[in-house]
PDB file of N, CA and C in Angstrom:
ATOM      1  N   MET A   1      12.645  24.820 -31.257  1.00  0.00           N
ATOM      2  CA  MET A   1      11.424  24.750 -30.473  1.00  0.00           C
ATOM      3  C   MET A   1      11.724  24.141 -29.112  1.00  0.00           C
ATOM      4  N   ASN A   2      11.105  24.689 -28.087  1.00  0.00           N
ATOM      5  CA  ASN A   2      11.320  24.102 -26.774  1.00  0.00           C
ATOM      6  C   ASN A   2      10.206  23.109 -26.443  1.00  0.00           C
ATOM      7  N   GLU A   3      10.371  22.408 -25.320  1.00  0.00           N
ATOM      8  CA  GLU A   3       9.411  21.369 -24.943  1.00  0.00           C
ATOM      9  C   GLU A   3       8.028  21.909 -24.612  1.00  0.00           C
ATOM     10  N   ASN A   4       7.920  23.211 -24.321  1.00  0.00           N
ATOM     11  CA  ASN A   4       6.626  23.807 -24.009  1.00  0.00           C
ATOM     12  C   ASN A   4       5.946  24.411 -25.222  1.00  0.00           C
ATOM     13  N   ASP A   5       6.530  24.230 -26.395  1.00  0.00           N
ATOM     14  CA  ASP A   5       5.914  24.661 -27.642  1.00  0.00           C
ATOM     15  C   ASP A   5       4.768  23.696 -27.953  1.00  0.00           C
ATOM     16  N   ILE A   6       3.589  24.215 -28.230  1.00  0.00           N
ATOM     17  CA  ILE A   6       2.410  23.366 -28.454  1.00  0.00           C
ATOM     18  C   ILE A   6       2.628  22.341 -29.562  1.00  0.00           C
ATOM     19  N   ARG A   7       3.486  22.638 -30.509  1.00  0.00           N
ATOM     20  CA  ARG A   7       3.737  21.690 -31.592  1.00  0.00           C
ATOM     21  C   ARG A   7       4.458  20.448 -31.100  1.00  0.00           C
ATOM     22  N   ASN A   8       5.077  20.514 -29.924  1.00  0.00           N
ATOM     23  CA  ASN A   8       5.788  19.371 -29.350  1.00  0.00           C
ATOM     24  C   ASN A   8       5.004  18.667 -28.251  1.00  0.00           C
ATOM     25  N   PHE A   9       3.803  19.133 -27.950  1.00  0.00           N
ATOM     26  CA  PHE A   9       3.036  18.565 -26.847  1.00  0.00           C
ATOM     27  C   PHE A   9       2.662  17.112 -27.099  1.00  0.00           C
ATOM     28  N   LEU A  10       2.670  16.349 -26.052  1.00  0.00           N
ATOM     29  CA  LEU A  10       1.999  15.064 -26.036  1.00  0.00           C
ATOM     30  C   LEU A  10       0.771  15.266 -25.165  1.00  0.00           C
ATOM     31  N   TRP A  11      -0.374  15.111 -25.756  1.00  0.00           N
ATOM     32  CA  TRP A  11      -1.645  15.284 -25.069  1.00  0.00           C
ATOM     33  C   TRP A  11      -2.100  13.935 -24.541  1.00  0.00           C
ATOM     34  N   LEU A  12      -2.819  13.946 -23.435  1.00  0.00           N
ATOM     35  CA  LEU A  12      -3.421  12.725 -22.897  1.00  0.00           C
ATOM     36  C   LEU A  12      -4.902  12.741 -23.226  1.00  0.00           C
ATOM     37  N   GLY A  13      -5.390  11.591 -23.677  1.00  0.00           N
ATOM     38  CA  GLY A  13      -6.812  11.459 -23.939  1.00  0.00           C
ATOM     39  C   GLY A  13      -7.536  10.973 -22.694  1.00  0.00           C
ATOM     40  N   GLY A  14      -8.842  10.907 -22.748  1.00  0.00           N
ATOM     41  CA  GLY A  14      -9.636  10.458 -21.616  1.00  0.00           C
ATOM     42  C   GLY A  14      -9.318   9.041 -21.176  1.00  0.00           C
ATOM     43  N   ASN A  15      -8.796   8.242 -22.095  1.00  0.00           N
ATOM     44  CA  ASN A  15      -8.439   6.869 -21.772  1.00  0.00           C
ATOM     45  C   ASN A  15      -6.988   6.738 -21.299  1.00  0.00           C
ATOM     46  N   GLY A  16      -6.270   7.852 -21.188  1.00  0.00           N
ATOM     47  CA  GLY A  16      -4.887   7.837 -20.720  1.00  0.00           C
ATOM     48  C   GLY A  16      -3.845   7.661 -21.811  1.00  0.00           C
ATOM     49  N   GLU A  17      -4.278   7.444 -23.045  1.00  0.00           N
ATOM     50  CA  GLU A  17      -3.336   7.282 -24.156  1.00  0.00           C
ATOM     51  C   GLU A  17      -2.742   8.626 -24.555  1.00  0.00           C
ATOM     52  N   GLN A  18      -1.480   8.588 -24.991  1.00  0.00           N
ATOM     53  CA  GLN A  18      -0.810   9.802 -25.452  1.00  0.00           C
ATOM     54  C   GLN A  18      -1.100  10.042 -26.931  1.00  0.00           C
ATOM     55  N   HIS A  19      -1.221  11.337 -27.275  1.00  0.00           N
ATOM     56  CA  HIS A  19      -1.475  11.748 -28.657  1.00  0.00           C
ATOM     57  C   HIS A  19      -0.592  12.945 -28.980  1.00  0.00           C
ATOM     58  N   SER A  20      -0.011  12.964 -30.146  1.00  0.00           N
ATOM     59  CA  SER A  20       0.779  14.118 -30.576  1.00  0.00           C
ATOM     60  C   SER A  20      -0.162  15.271 -30.923  1.00  0.00           C
ATOM     61  N   SER A  21       0.383  16.478 -30.966  1.00  0.00           N
ATOM     62  CA  SER A  21      -0.418  17.642 -31.370  1.00  0.00           C
ATOM     63  C   SER A  21      -0.988  17.437 -32.766  1.00  0.00           C
ATOM     64  N   GLU A  22      -0.211  16.803 -33.632  1.00  0.00           N
ATOM     65  CA  GLU A  22      -0.679  16.540 -34.995  1.00  0.00           C
ATOM     66  C   GLU A  22      -1.904  15.618 -34.991  1.00  0.00           C
ATOM     67  N   GLU A  23      -1.877  14.587 -34.147  1.00  0.00           N
ATOM     68  CA  GLU A  23      -3.025  13.683 -34.050  1.00  0.00           C
ATOM     69  C   GLU A  23      -4.262  14.411 -33.518  1.00  0.00           C
ATOM     70  N   VAL A  24      -4.067  15.261 -32.523  1.00  0.00           N
ATOM     71  CA  VAL A  24      -5.177  16.016 -31.954  1.00  0.00           C
ATOM     72  C   VAL A  24      -5.765  16.957 -33.005  1.00  0.00           C
ATOM     73  N   LEU A  25      -4.909  17.629 -33.764  1.00  0.00           N
ATOM     74  CA  LEU A  25      -5.401  18.529 -34.818  1.00  0.00           C
ATOM     75  C   LEU A  25      -6.205  17.773 -35.867  1.00  0.00           C
ATOM     76  N   LEU A  26      -5.778  16.580 -36.227  1.00  0.00           N
ATOM     77  CA  LEU A  26      -6.534  15.781 -37.202  1.00  0.00           C
ATOM     78  C   LEU A  26      -7.912  15.416 -36.649  1.00  0.00           C
ATOM     79  N   GLU A  27      -7.978  15.045 -35.371  1.00  0.00           N
ATOM     80  CA  GLU A  27      -9.268  14.755 -34.733  1.00  0.00           C
ATOM     81  C   GLU A  27     -10.177  15.979 -34.731  1.00  0.00           C
ATOM     82  N   ILE A  28      -9.583  17.139 -34.422  1.00  0.00           N
ATOM     83  CA  ILE A  28     -10.351  18.382 -34.399  1.00  0.00           C
ATOM     84  C   ILE A  28     -10.905  18.700 -35.782  1.00  0.00           C
ATOM     85  N   LYS A  29     -10.076  18.583 -36.810  1.00  0.00           N
ATOM     86  CA  LYS A  29     -10.532  18.873 -38.177  1.00  0.00           C
ATOM     87  C   LYS A  29     -11.654  17.943 -38.594  1.00  0.00           C
ATOM     88  N   LYS A  30     -11.504  16.654 -38.296  1.00  0.00           N
ATOM     89  CA  LYS A  30     -12.534  15.681 -38.640  1.00  0.00           C
ATOM     90  C   LYS A  30     -13.850  16.008 -37.931  1.00  0.00           C
ATOM     91  N   TYR A  31     -13.747  16.340 -36.661  1.00  0.00           N
ATOM     92  CA  TYR A  31     -14.923  16.648 -35.850  1.00  0.00           C
ATOM     93  C   TYR A  31     -15.603  17.948 -36.309  1.00  0.00           C
ATOM     94  N   THR A  32     -14.831  19.004 -36.516  1.00  0.00           N
ATOM     95  CA  THR A  32     -15.427  20.279 -36.931  1.00  0.00           C
ATOM     96  C   THR A  32     -15.981  20.209 -38.357  1.00  0.00           C
ATOM     97  N   ASN A  33     -15.368  19.410 -39.215  1.00  0.00           N
ATOM     98  CA  ASN A  33     -15.899  19.234 -40.569  1.00  0.00           C
ATOM     99  C   ASN A  33     -17.253  18.538 -40.554  1.00  0.00           C
ATOM    100  N   SER A  34     -17.545  17.821 -39.465  1.00  0.00           N
ATOM    101  CA  SER A  34     -18.850  17.164 -39.298  1.00  0.00           C
ATOM    102  C   SER A  34     -19.860  18.084 -38.619  1.00  0.00           C
ATOM    103  N   GLY A  35     -19.436  19.313 -38.298  1.00  0.00           N
ATOM    104  CA  GLY A  35     -20.327  20.283 -37.691  1.00  0.00           C
ATOM    105  C   GLY A  35     -20.190  20.419 -36.181  1.00  0.00           C
ATOM    106  N   GLY A  36     -19.221  19.734 -35.584  1.00  0.00           N
ATOM    107  CA  GLY A  36     -19.039  19.797 -34.137  1.00  0.00           C
ATOM    108  C   GLY A  36     -18.340  21.071 -33.690  1.00  0.00           C
ATOM    109  N   LYS A  37     -18.552  21.424 -32.425  1.00  0.00           N
ATOM    110  CA  LYS A  37     -17.907  22.590 -31.825  1.00  0.00           C
ATOM    111  C   LYS A  37     -16.838  22.129 -30.844  1.00  0.00           C
ATOM    112  N   ILE A  38     -15.784  22.920 -30.751  1.00  0.00           N
ATOM    113  CA  ILE A  38     -14.663  22.637 -29.855  1.00  0.00           C
ATOM    114  C   ILE A  38     -14.813  23.512 -28.605  1.00  0.00           C
ATOM    115  N   PHE A  39     -14.529  22.932 -27.456  1.00  0.00           N
ATOM    116  CA  PHE A  39     -14.520  23.657 -26.193  1.00  0.00           C
ATOM    117  C   PHE A  39     -13.097  23.617 -25.644  1.00  0.00           C
ATOM    118  N   ILE A  40     -12.563  24.775 -25.274  1.00  0.00           N
ATOM    119  CA  ILE A  40     -11.183  24.865 -24.804  1.00  0.00           C
ATOM    120  C   ILE A  40     -11.184  25.480 -23.410  1.00  0.00           C
ATOM    121  N   GLY A  41     -10.400  24.894 -22.529  1.00  0.00           N
ATOM    122  CA  GLY A  41     -10.285  25.419 -21.178  1.00  0.00           C
ATOM    123  C   GLY A  41      -8.841  25.422 -20.720  1.00  0.00           C
ATOM    124  N   THR A  42      -8.509  26.371 -19.883  1.00  0.00           N
ATOM    125  CA  THR A  42      -7.163  26.454 -19.320  1.00  0.00           C
ATOM    126  C   THR A  42      -7.262  26.875 -17.855  1.00  0.00           C
ATOM    127  N   ASP A  43      -6.235  26.540 -17.116  1.00  0.00           N
ATOM    128  CA  ASP A  43      -6.143  26.990 -15.735  1.00  0.00           C
ATOM    129  C   ASP A  43      -4.672  27.024 -15.358  1.00  0.00           C
ATOM    130  N   SER A  44      -4.378  27.786 -14.327  1.00  0.00           N
ATOM    131  CA  SER A  44      -2.995  27.874 -13.855  1.00  0.00           C
ATOM    132  C   SER A  44      -2.979  28.089 -12.357  1.00  0.00           C
ATOM    133  N   MET A  45      -1.869  27.731 -11.756  1.00  0.00           N
ATOM    134  CA  MET A  45      -1.663  27.943 -10.323  1.00  0.00           C
ATOM    135  C   MET A  45      -0.235  28.423 -10.142  1.00  0.00           C
ATOM    136  N   LYS A  46      -0.082  29.642  -9.629  1.00  0.00           N
ATOM    137  CA  LYS A  46       1.244  30.228  -9.454  1.00  0.00           C
ATOM    138  C   LYS A  46       1.788  29.881  -8.074  1.00  0.00           C
ATOM    139  N   TYR A  47       3.007  29.418  -8.064  1.00  0.00           N
ATOM    140  CA  TYR A  47       3.747  29.140  -6.835  1.00  0.00           C
ATOM    141  C   TYR A  47       4.931  30.103  -6.760  1.00  0.00           C
ATOM    142  N   ALA A  48       5.700  30.067  -5.715  1.00  0.00           N
ATOM    143  CA  ALA A  48       6.807  31.008  -5.523  1.00  0.00           C
ATOM    144  C   ALA A  48       7.808  30.978  -6.669  1.00  0.00           C
ATOM    145  N   THR A  49       8.161  29.796  -7.146  1.00  0.00           N
ATOM    146  CA  THR A  49       9.219  29.704  -8.155  1.00  0.00           C
ATOM    147  C   THR A  49       8.759  29.157  -9.497  1.00  0.00           C
ATOM    148  N   GLN A  50       7.494  28.784  -9.605  1.00  0.00           N
ATOM    149  CA  GLN A  50       7.002  28.227 -10.864  1.00  0.00           C
ATOM    150  C   GLN A  50       5.497  28.382 -10.977  1.00  0.00           C
ATOM    151  N   CYS A  51       4.989  28.074 -12.161  1.00  0.00           N
ATOM    152  CA  CYS A  51       3.556  28.137 -12.403  1.00  0.00           C
ATOM    153  C   CYS A  51       3.139  26.834 -13.084  1.00  0.00           C
ATOM    154  N   HIS A  52       2.059  26.220 -12.598  1.00  0.00           N
ATOM    155  CA  HIS A  52       1.524  24.991 -13.174  1.00  0.00           C
ATOM    156  C   HIS A  52       0.354  25.362 -14.082  1.00  0.00           C
ATOM    157  N   PHE A  53       0.319  24.766 -15.250  1.00  0.00           N
ATOM    158  CA  PHE A  53      -0.727  25.032 -16.229  1.00  0.00           C
ATOM    159  C   PHE A  53      -1.445  23.745 -16.610  1.00  0.00           C
ATOM    160  N   ALA A  54      -2.718  23.867 -16.949  1.00  0.00           N
ATOM    161  CA  ALA A  54      -3.501  22.758 -17.493  1.00  0.00           C
ATOM    162  C   ALA A  54      -4.301  23.293 -18.676  1.00  0.00           C
ATOM    163  N   CYS A  55      -4.286  22.557 -19.751  1.00  0.00           N
ATOM    164  CA  CYS A  55      -5.014  22.931 -20.968  1.00  0.00           C
ATOM    165  C   CYS A  55      -5.887  21.744 -21.386  1.00  0.00           C
ATOM    166  N   VAL A  56      -7.131  22.028 -21.784  1.00  0.00           N
ATOM    167  CA  VAL A  56      -8.057  20.974 -22.192  1.00  0.00           C
ATOM    168  C   VAL A  56      -8.714  21.356 -23.510  1.00  0.00           C
ATOM    169  N   ILE A  57      -8.827  20.382 -24.393  1.00  0.00           N
ATOM    170  CA  ILE A  57      -9.574  20.519 -25.637  1.00  0.00           C
ATOM    171  C   ILE A  57     -10.668  19.456 -25.578  1.00  0.00           C
ATOM    172  N   ALA A  58     -11.926  19.890 -25.632  1.00  0.00           N
ATOM    173  CA  ALA A  58     -13.038  18.945 -25.509  1.00  0.00           C
ATOM    174  C   ALA A  58     -13.942  19.007 -26.732  1.00  0.00           C
ATOM    175  N   MET A  59     -14.453  17.839 -27.101  1.00  0.00           N
ATOM    176  CA  MET A  59     -15.398  17.703 -28.207  1.00  0.00           C
ATOM    177  C   MET A  59     -16.599  16.944 -27.661  1.00  0.00           C
ATOM    178  N   HIS A  60     -17.763  17.577 -27.684  1.00  0.00           N
ATOM    179  CA  HIS A  60     -18.965  16.903 -27.196  1.00  0.00           C
ATOM    180  C   HIS A  60     -20.150  17.301 -28.053  1.00  0.00           C
ATOM    181  N   ASN A  61     -20.800  16.299 -28.601  1.00  0.00           N
ATOM    182  CA  ASN A  61     -21.974  16.540 -29.428  1.00  0.00           C
ATOM    183  C   ASN A  61     -22.843  15.297 -29.383  1.00  0.00           C
ATOM    184  N   THR A  62     -24.021  15.421 -28.792  1.00  0.00           N
ATOM    185  CA  THR A  62     -24.926  14.281 -28.656  1.00  0.00           C
ATOM    186  C   THR A  62     -25.378  13.763 -30.015  1.00  0.00           C
ATOM    187  N   ASN A  63     -25.686  14.666 -30.939  1.00  0.00           N
ATOM    188  CA  ASN A  63     -26.156  14.251 -32.267  1.00  0.00           C
ATOM    189  C   ASN A  63     -25.089  13.480 -33.043  1.00  0.00           C
ATOM    190  N   LEU A  64     -23.829  13.890 -32.893  1.00  0.00           N
ATOM    191  CA  LEU A  64     -22.734  13.195 -33.581  1.00  0.00           C
ATOM    192  C   LEU A  64     -22.222  11.997 -32.777  1.00  0.00           C
ATOM    193  N   LYS A  65     -22.739  11.831 -31.560  1.00  0.00           N
ATOM    194  CA  LYS A  65     -22.319  10.755 -30.652  1.00  0.00           C
ATOM    195  C   LYS A  65     -20.816  10.821 -30.385  1.00  0.00           C
ATOM    196  N   VAL A  66     -20.371  12.048 -30.056  1.00  0.00           N
ATOM    197  CA  VAL A  66     -18.958  12.280 -29.761  1.00  0.00           C
ATOM    198  C   VAL A  66     -18.828  12.879 -28.364  1.00  0.00           C
ATOM    199  N   ALA A  67     -17.973  12.281 -27.571  1.00  0.00           N
ATOM    200  CA  ALA A  67     -17.605  12.810 -26.252  1.00  0.00           C
ATOM    201  C   ALA A  67     -16.134  12.445 -26.062  1.00  0.00           C
ATOM    202  N   LYS A  68     -15.258  13.418 -26.323  1.00  0.00           N
ATOM    203  CA  LYS A  68     -13.820  13.146 -26.327  1.00  0.00           C
ATOM    204  C   LYS A  68     -13.090  14.370 -25.819  1.00  0.00           C
ATOM    205  N   TYR A  69     -11.986  14.145 -25.117  1.00  0.00           N
ATOM    206  CA  TYR A  69     -11.173  15.271 -24.682  1.00  0.00           C
ATOM    207  C   TYR A  69      -9.700  14.900 -24.656  1.00  0.00           C
ATOM    208  N   PHE A  70      -8.892  15.936 -24.736  1.00  0.00           N
ATOM    209  CA  PHE A  70      -7.435  15.825 -24.646  1.00  0.00           C
ATOM    210  C   PHE A  70      -6.965  16.877 -23.657  1.00  0.00           C
ATOM    211  N   TYR A  71      -5.976  16.531 -22.857  1.00  0.00           N
ATOM    212  CA  TYR A  71      -5.463  17.520 -21.906  1.00  0.00           C
ATOM    213  C   TYR A  71      -3.951  17.430 -21.794  1.00  0.00           C
ATOM    214  N   LYS A  72      -3.373  18.528 -21.322  1.00  0.00           N
ATOM    215  CA  LYS A  72      -1.928  18.646 -21.144  1.00  0.00           C
ATOM    216  C   LYS A  72      -1.677  19.447 -19.885  1.00  0.00           C
ATOM    217  N   LYS A  73      -0.772  18.959 -19.045  1.00  0.00           N
ATOM    218  CA  LYS A  73      -0.323  19.702 -17.863  1.00  0.00           C
ATOM    219  C   LYS A  73       1.165  19.967 -18.026  1.00  0.00           C
ATOM    220  N   PHE A  74       1.591  21.155 -17.607  1.00  0.00           N
ATOM    221  CA  PHE A  74       3.025  21.452 -17.635  1.00  0.00           C
ATOM    222  C   PHE A  74       3.343  22.546 -16.629  1.00  0.00           C
ATOM    223  N   LYS A  75       4.633  22.674 -16.342  1.00  0.00           N
ATOM    224  CA  LYS A  75       5.118  23.670 -15.384  1.00  0.00           C
ATOM    225  C   LYS A  75       6.136  24.567 -16.070  1.00  0.00           C
ATOM    226  N   LEU A  76       6.127  25.835 -15.704  1.00  0.00           N
ATOM    227  CA  LEU A  76       7.139  26.775 -16.152  1.00  0.00           C
ATOM    228  C   LEU A  76       7.764  27.424 -14.920  1.00  0.00           C
ATOM    229  N   HIS A  77       9.056  27.634 -14.999  1.00  0.00           N
ATOM    230  CA  HIS A  77       9.748  28.322 -13.910  1.00  0.00           C
ATOM    231  C   HIS A  77       9.571  29.828 -14.055  1.00  0.00           C
ATOM    232  N   GLY A  78       9.782  30.571 -12.975  1.00  0.00           N
ATOM    233  CA  GLY A  78       9.517  32.009 -12.905  1.00  0.00           C
ATOM    234  C   GLY A  78      10.078  32.832 -14.059  1.00  0.00           C
ATOM    235  N   ASP A  79      11.225  32.477 -14.573  1.00  0.00           N
ATOM    236  CA  ASP A  79      11.829  33.255 -15.660  1.00  0.00           C
ATOM    237  C   ASP A  79      11.254  32.903 -17.029  1.00  0.00           C
ATOM    238  N   GLU A  80      10.322  31.932 -17.114  1.00  0.00           N
ATOM    239  CA  GLU A  80       9.768  31.495 -18.382  1.00  0.00           C
ATOM    240  C   GLU A  80       8.336  31.993 -18.642  1.00  0.00           C
ATOM    241  N   TYR A  81       7.724  32.640 -17.663  1.00  0.00           N
ATOM    242  CA  TYR A  81       6.328  33.076 -17.869  1.00  0.00           C
ATOM    243  C   TYR A  81       6.102  34.492 -17.490  1.00  0.00           C
TER     244      TYR A  81
END
């Protein structure tokens, strides 16, 4: 597996703490089992020799009193995307 494999990601939470993909998946399962919905967003910016990516996983539900997100930024060089 390479460093850009999602299973190796270190995600940042809203408070700046790092979380492994496994930790994020456990949070997602706990949240969705309570009836919450997941919101996912991505964006990218292509440059001459590389592309920058941002990925966000958000959980927001007023009834469950949950407002949490995780994000990851990474770059790939031209031959990798």
